[in-house]
Amino acid sequence: MEYKEEYAQVNQNTETDAEYTPQFDGLVDEAPAYESPVVVAQPAKKKKFPIYIPIIIAAVLVVLSVAAFFVIKMFVPTLEGTWKLTNEEGYEFYYTLEYDGDDGKCDMSLGTVHFPGTFTTSESEDGTQSLNLDIAAGFVYGDYTYEFIGNPMSDDYALKLTDASGTETTLTSAETPQDSDYVMPDENFVPDEKLTGEWEYYYPEYGMSIKLYLNEDGTMIYDQFGMQELHCVYNVNEDTINISFFETELIAQEEGYYFDNDQLIFLGLNWTRVDPDATTDEG
């Protein structure tokens, strides 16, 4: 082949010019014929993207939802959220309004004392917006016209309420308070399965109940007819239950308890355990 002749010519030139005999002299003729290797095209490896597409989509949706929230809050003011009223004594009452489906739910709280209620809104032909707060206590309840004041993105954002007499009340936008801002369960709390759960005391003369929730995390709710709730923390010490809650200050009390068959005797009442698996016959 032509490759042999080329290698032979190179060797002759080397002997003539430098009188040098290549170490590989005589081997060139014995070298096997060169054959071009067959190159098989390999498919290009796809570079793996470090973040999966679903994660990217989720992140984009989060960003868009956050942006939409601020746009809506800026241009479409809403009653939903928490509004704070500070009275002359400096006590802070928080009104948290939110929709549960089509129903407006309202919770007024002072410390860990809560007053659940409802709210409805309407708008007259002249564009006046009205609010009705149905709640058992507090400085704000009943019928009002309302308007928003200030920039929704600033600290001076507020809700101005005007009652039928023309009296104005202003509530400022606030963060929703948490019970844990006021009282915390004992970090060493150990639940007692005989106590934990939902208990009820029924008043037949009223056809209503008060309820007691002793939770496994050391929190307790004393629900009076669904109109007032004391959100407490508790600890069990032999035959007593230590209760703490916050109103305008921390209130702590110790109450004895014992069991009478299946009933819990506590706070001077005979409580019956509510079976979470119980069903009501409808016919």
Protein backbone atom coordinates (compact mmCIF):
# COMPACT_ATOMS: atom_id res chain seq x y z
CA MET A 1 0.00 0.00 0.00
CA GLU A 2 1.04 3.62 -0.36
CA TYR A 3 1.74 3.84 3.37
CA LYS A 4 4.63 1.31 3.00
CA GLU A 5 6.28 3.27 0.20
CA GLU A 6 6.13 6.49 2.17
CA TYR A 7 7.76 4.89 5.23
CA ALA A 8 10.52 3.32 3.00
CA GLN A 9 11.34 6.67 1.38
CA VAL A 10 11.65 8.27 4.81
CA ASN A 11 14.17 5.59 5.84
CA GLN A 12 16.31 6.08 2.70
CA ASN A 13 16.49 9.81 3.24
CA THR A 14 17.60 9.22 6.81
CA GLU A 15 20.49 6.91 5.77
CA THR A 16 21.73 9.34 3.12
CA ASP A 17 21.73 12.47 5.25
CA ALA A 18 22.80 11.13 8.64
CA GLU A 19 24.14 7.62 7.91
CA TYR A 20 21.76 6.44 10.60
CA THR A 21 20.09 3.09 10.47
CA PRO A 22 16.67 3.32 12.11
CA GLN A 23 16.05 0.86 14.88
CA PHE A 24 12.90 -0.18 13.10
CA ASP A 25 14.67 -0.74 9.72
CA GLY A 26 13.22 -3.76 7.99
CA LEU A 27 10.12 -3.75 10.11
CA VAL A 28 8.21 -1.36 7.94
CA ASP A 29 7.73 -3.96 5.21
CA GLU A 30 6.42 -6.37 7.81
CA ALA A 31 3.94 -3.90 9.27
CA PRO A 32 0.40 -4.93 8.60
CA ALA A 33 -1.61 -2.97 6.16
CA TYR A 34 -3.27 0.05 7.80
CA GLU A 35 -6.94 -0.07 7.82
CA SER A 36 -9.04 2.92 8.70
CA PRO A 37 -10.96 2.22 11.91
CA VAL A 38 -14.69 2.11 11.64
CA VAL A 39 -16.06 5.03 13.62
CA VAL A 40 -19.51 4.39 15.04
CA ALA A 41 -21.39 7.56 15.77
CA GLN A 42 -22.36 7.70 19.45
CA PRO A 43 -25.57 9.47 20.40
CA ALA A 44 -24.90 12.71 22.20
CA LYS A 45 -25.49 12.39 25.93
CA LYS A 46 -28.29 14.56 27.19
CA LYS A 47 -27.27 16.90 29.93
CA LYS A 48 -29.40 16.37 32.98
CA PHE A 49 -31.07 19.52 34.19
CA PRO A 50 -30.32 20.00 37.89
CA ILE A 51 -33.95 20.80 38.81
CA TYR A 52 -36.85 18.68 37.73
CA ILE A 53 -39.49 20.36 35.65
CA PRO A 54 -42.30 19.81 38.21
CA ILE A 55 -40.22 21.63 40.83
CA ILE A 56 -39.69 24.53 38.45
CA ILE A 57 -43.40 24.67 37.71
CA ALA A 58 -44.23 24.58 41.42
CA ALA A 59 -41.76 27.40 42.11
CA VAL A 60 -43.23 29.49 39.30
CA LEU A 61 -46.75 28.91 40.65
CA VAL A 62 -45.64 29.99 44.13
CA VAL A 63 -44.09 33.17 42.76
CA LEU A 64 -47.19 33.91 40.70
CA SER A 65 -49.53 33.27 43.62
CA VAL A 66 -47.51 35.57 45.87
CA ALA A 67 -47.51 38.25 43.19
CA ALA A 68 -51.26 37.80 42.69
CA PHE A 69 -51.81 38.12 46.45
CA PHE A 70 -50.07 41.49 46.58
CA VAL A 71 -51.84 42.71 43.45
CA ILE A 72 -55.24 41.71 44.85
CA LYS A 73 -54.44 43.22 48.23
CA MET A 74 -53.33 46.44 46.58
CA PHE A 75 -56.19 46.93 44.17
CA VAL A 76 -59.01 44.83 45.67
CA PRO A 77 -59.11 45.53 49.44
CA THR A 78 -60.71 42.80 51.49
CA LEU A 79 -62.10 42.46 54.99
CA GLU A 80 -60.38 39.12 55.38
CA GLY A 81 -57.49 39.28 57.79
CA THR A 82 -56.94 40.55 61.32
CA TRP A 83 -57.85 44.02 62.57
CA LYS A 84 -56.72 45.40 65.92
CA LEU A 85 -58.63 47.72 68.20
CA THR A 86 -56.79 49.31 71.13
CA ASN A 87 -59.10 50.72 73.80
CA GLU A 88 -58.49 53.61 76.16
CA GLU A 89 -56.87 51.33 78.75
CA GLY A 90 -54.42 50.08 76.15
CA TYR A 91 -55.89 46.59 75.85
CA GLU A 92 -55.67 45.06 72.39
CA PHE A 93 -58.68 43.32 70.86
CA TYR A 94 -58.08 41.37 67.66
CA TYR A 95 -60.85 40.74 65.13
CA THR A 96 -59.97 38.02 62.63
CA LEU A 97 -62.33 37.73 59.66
CA GLU A 98 -62.22 34.96 57.08
CA TYR A 99 -64.53 33.15 54.70
CA ASP A 100 -65.34 29.49 55.12
CA GLY A 101 -66.98 28.84 51.78
CA ASP A 102 -69.75 31.43 51.54
CA ASP A 103 -69.90 31.91 55.32
CA GLY A 104 -68.05 34.71 57.02
CA LYS A 105 -66.37 33.65 60.26
CA CYS A 106 -65.20 36.13 62.86
CA ASP A 107 -63.06 35.56 65.93
CA MET A 108 -62.49 38.29 68.48
CA SER A 109 -59.67 37.60 70.92
CA LEU A 110 -58.24 39.28 73.99
CA GLY A 111 -55.15 37.36 74.94
CA THR A 112 -56.21 33.70 74.83
CA VAL A 113 -59.88 34.46 75.46
CA HIS A 114 -61.80 34.04 72.20
CA PHE A 115 -65.29 35.04 71.13
CA PRO A 116 -66.29 33.25 67.90
CA GLY A 117 -68.96 34.77 65.68
CA THR A 118 -69.99 35.49 62.13
CA PHE A 119 -70.06 38.43 59.74
CA THR A 120 -71.95 39.41 56.61
CA THR A 121 -71.49 42.24 54.12
CA SER A 122 -73.68 44.11 51.67
CA GLU A 123 -73.45 47.03 49.25
CA SER A 124 -76.11 49.66 48.59
CA GLU A 125 -76.95 51.16 45.21
CA ASP A 126 -74.78 54.21 45.90
CA GLY A 127 -71.76 51.97 46.56
CA THR A 128 -71.83 52.21 50.36
CA GLN A 129 -70.45 49.03 51.89
CA SER A 130 -71.98 47.65 55.06
CA LEU A 131 -70.79 45.12 57.62
CA ASN A 132 -72.69 43.21 60.27
CA LEU A 133 -70.72 41.56 63.08
CA ASP A 134 -72.60 38.96 65.09
CA ILE A 135 -70.46 38.32 68.14
CA ALA A 136 -71.22 37.86 71.84
CA ALA A 137 -68.86 40.50 73.25
CA GLY A 138 -66.36 43.19 72.42
CA PHE A 139 -66.35 46.85 71.55
CA VAL A 140 -67.29 46.19 67.93
CA TYR A 141 -70.48 44.31 67.05
CA GLY A 142 -73.68 45.02 65.16
CA ASP A 143 -74.14 47.08 61.98
CA TYR A 144 -71.63 49.45 60.41
CA THR A 145 -70.69 51.02 57.14
CA TYR A 146 -67.02 50.58 56.40
CA GLU A 147 -64.16 51.86 54.28
CA PHE A 148 -60.46 51.15 54.00
CA ILE A 149 -57.89 53.81 54.90
CA GLY A 150 -54.27 54.07 53.79
CA ASN A 151 -52.02 51.87 51.69
CA PRO A 152 -52.56 48.10 52.05
CA MET A 153 -48.79 47.61 51.89
CA SER A 154 -47.97 50.08 54.67
CA ASP A 155 -48.28 50.11 58.45
CA ASP A 156 -51.03 52.76 58.43
CA TYR A 157 -53.56 50.53 56.65
CA ALA A 158 -56.81 50.54 58.59
CA LEU A 159 -60.53 49.75 58.58
CA LYS A 160 -62.89 52.57 59.52
CA LEU A 161 -66.31 51.57 60.84
CA THR A 162 -69.22 53.98 61.25
CA ASP A 163 -72.32 53.02 63.20
CA ALA A 164 -75.87 54.35 62.75
CA SER A 165 -75.20 57.29 65.10
CA GLY A 166 -72.18 58.39 63.09
CA THR A 167 -69.64 57.22 65.67
CA GLU A 168 -66.42 56.12 63.98
CA THR A 169 -64.14 53.32 65.12
CA THR A 170 -60.81 52.61 63.47
CA LEU A 171 -59.10 49.22 63.54
CA THR A 172 -55.57 48.82 62.23
CA SER A 173 -54.33 45.92 60.11
CA ALA A 174 -52.38 43.43 62.23
CA GLU A 175 -50.77 40.01 62.28
CA THR A 176 -53.08 37.27 63.51
CA PRO A 177 -52.15 36.55 67.15
CA GLN A 178 -51.38 33.02 68.30
CA ASP A 179 -52.20 31.56 71.71
CA SER A 180 -48.54 30.61 72.01
CA ASP A 181 -47.73 34.34 71.99
CA TYR A 182 -49.22 34.45 75.50
CA VAL A 183 -48.94 30.98 77.09
CA MET A 184 -46.96 27.85 76.26
CA PRO A 185 -47.46 24.28 77.49
CA ASP A 186 -44.87 22.83 79.84
CA GLU A 187 -42.09 21.33 77.70
CA ASN A 188 -42.11 18.31 80.03
CA PHE A 189 -45.85 17.80 79.76
CA VAL A 190 -46.95 14.15 79.76
CA PRO A 191 -50.53 13.45 78.60
CA ASP A 192 -52.86 11.24 80.61
CA GLU A 193 -54.98 9.14 78.26
CA LYS A 194 -57.75 8.98 80.87
CA LEU A 195 -58.12 12.74 80.59
CA THR A 196 -57.25 13.61 77.02
CA GLY A 197 -60.12 14.00 74.60
CA GLU A 198 -63.40 15.89 74.29
CA TRP A 199 -65.80 16.17 77.23
CA GLU A 200 -69.30 17.65 77.36
CA TYR A 201 -71.74 18.93 79.96
CA TYR A 202 -75.28 19.24 78.66
CA TYR A 203 -77.83 21.77 79.98
CA PRO A 204 -81.26 20.26 79.18
CA GLU A 205 -83.06 23.45 80.19
CA TYR A 206 -81.21 25.37 77.48
CA GLY A 207 -80.69 22.55 75.00
CA MET A 208 -77.05 23.58 74.87
CA SER A 209 -73.69 22.23 75.95
CA ILE A 210 -70.40 23.46 77.24
CA LYS A 211 -67.38 21.49 76.09
CA LEU A 212 -63.94 20.76 77.39
CA TYR A 213 -61.01 19.75 75.18
CA LEU A 214 -57.98 18.32 76.96
CA ASN A 215 -55.36 17.91 74.25
CA GLU A 216 -52.30 15.69 74.13
CA ASP A 217 -49.98 18.68 73.62
CA GLY A 218 -50.85 20.28 76.98
CA THR A 219 -53.39 22.77 75.63
CA MET A 220 -57.00 22.98 76.80
CA ILE A 221 -60.11 24.70 75.45
CA TYR A 222 -63.09 25.51 77.66
CA ASP A 223 -65.95 26.21 75.23
CA GLN A 224 -69.00 27.93 76.71
CA PHE A 225 -71.97 27.34 74.40
CA GLY A 226 -69.87 28.21 71.34
CA MET A 227 -69.94 31.89 72.35
CA GLN A 228 -66.75 32.13 74.40
CA GLU A 229 -63.64 29.98 74.52
CA LEU A 230 -60.85 30.02 77.06
CA HIS A 231 -57.69 28.72 75.42
CA CYS A 232 -55.49 27.43 78.22
CA VAL A 233 -52.48 25.28 78.97
CA TYR A 234 -52.70 22.67 81.68
CA ASN A 235 -50.68 20.27 83.79
CA VAL A 236 -51.83 17.29 85.82
CA ASN A 237 -50.54 16.79 89.34
CA GLU A 238 -52.00 13.75 91.11
CA ASP A 239 -55.63 14.76 91.78
CA THR A 240 -55.42 18.37 90.54
CA ILE A 241 -55.23 20.11 87.18
CA ASN A 242 -53.30 23.36 86.97
CA ILE A 243 -54.73 25.74 84.37
CA SER A 244 -53.23 28.93 82.92
CA PHE A 245 -54.62 31.38 80.38
CA PHE A 246 -54.10 35.03 79.48
CA GLU A 247 -56.66 37.82 79.39
CA THR A 248 -55.25 41.22 80.32
CA GLU A 249 -52.74 39.35 82.48
CA LEU A 250 -51.72 35.76 83.16
CA ILE A 251 -54.34 33.90 85.18
CA ALA A 252 -53.47 30.59 86.85
CA GLN A 253 -55.70 28.37 88.95
CA GLU A 254 -55.67 24.89 90.42
CA GLU A 255 -58.74 22.65 90.23
CA GLY A 256 -59.32 19.23 91.72
CA TYR A 257 -60.69 16.36 89.65
CA TYR A 258 -61.72 12.72 89.95
CA PHE A 259 -63.66 10.09 88.05
CA ASP A 260 -67.10 8.79 88.88
CA ASN A 261 -67.57 5.71 86.71
CA ASP A 262 -67.28 7.09 83.15
CA GLN A 263 -67.74 10.73 84.16
CA LEU A 264 -65.06 13.30 84.86
CA ILE A 265 -65.82 15.49 87.88
CA PHE A 266 -64.05 18.76 87.23
CA LEU A 267 -64.85 22.47 87.73
CA GLY A 268 -67.89 21.41 89.71
CA LEU A 269 -69.50 19.66 86.73
CA ASN A 270 -70.02 16.06 85.67
CA TRP A 271 -68.43 15.76 82.23
CA THR A 272 -69.28 12.96 79.80
CA ARG A 273 -66.70 11.88 77.27
CA VAL A 274 -67.67 12.53 73.65
CA ASP A 275 -67.09 9.45 71.52
CA PRO A 276 -65.41 10.65 68.28
CA ASP A 277 -66.66 7.50 66.51
CA ALA A 278 -70.26 7.92 67.59
CA THR A 279 -72.86 8.55 64.86
CA THR A 280 -76.23 10.21 65.07
CA ASP A 281 -79.29 8.33 63.86
CA GLU A 282 -81.13 10.38 61.26
CA GLY A 283 -84.39 8.64 61.08
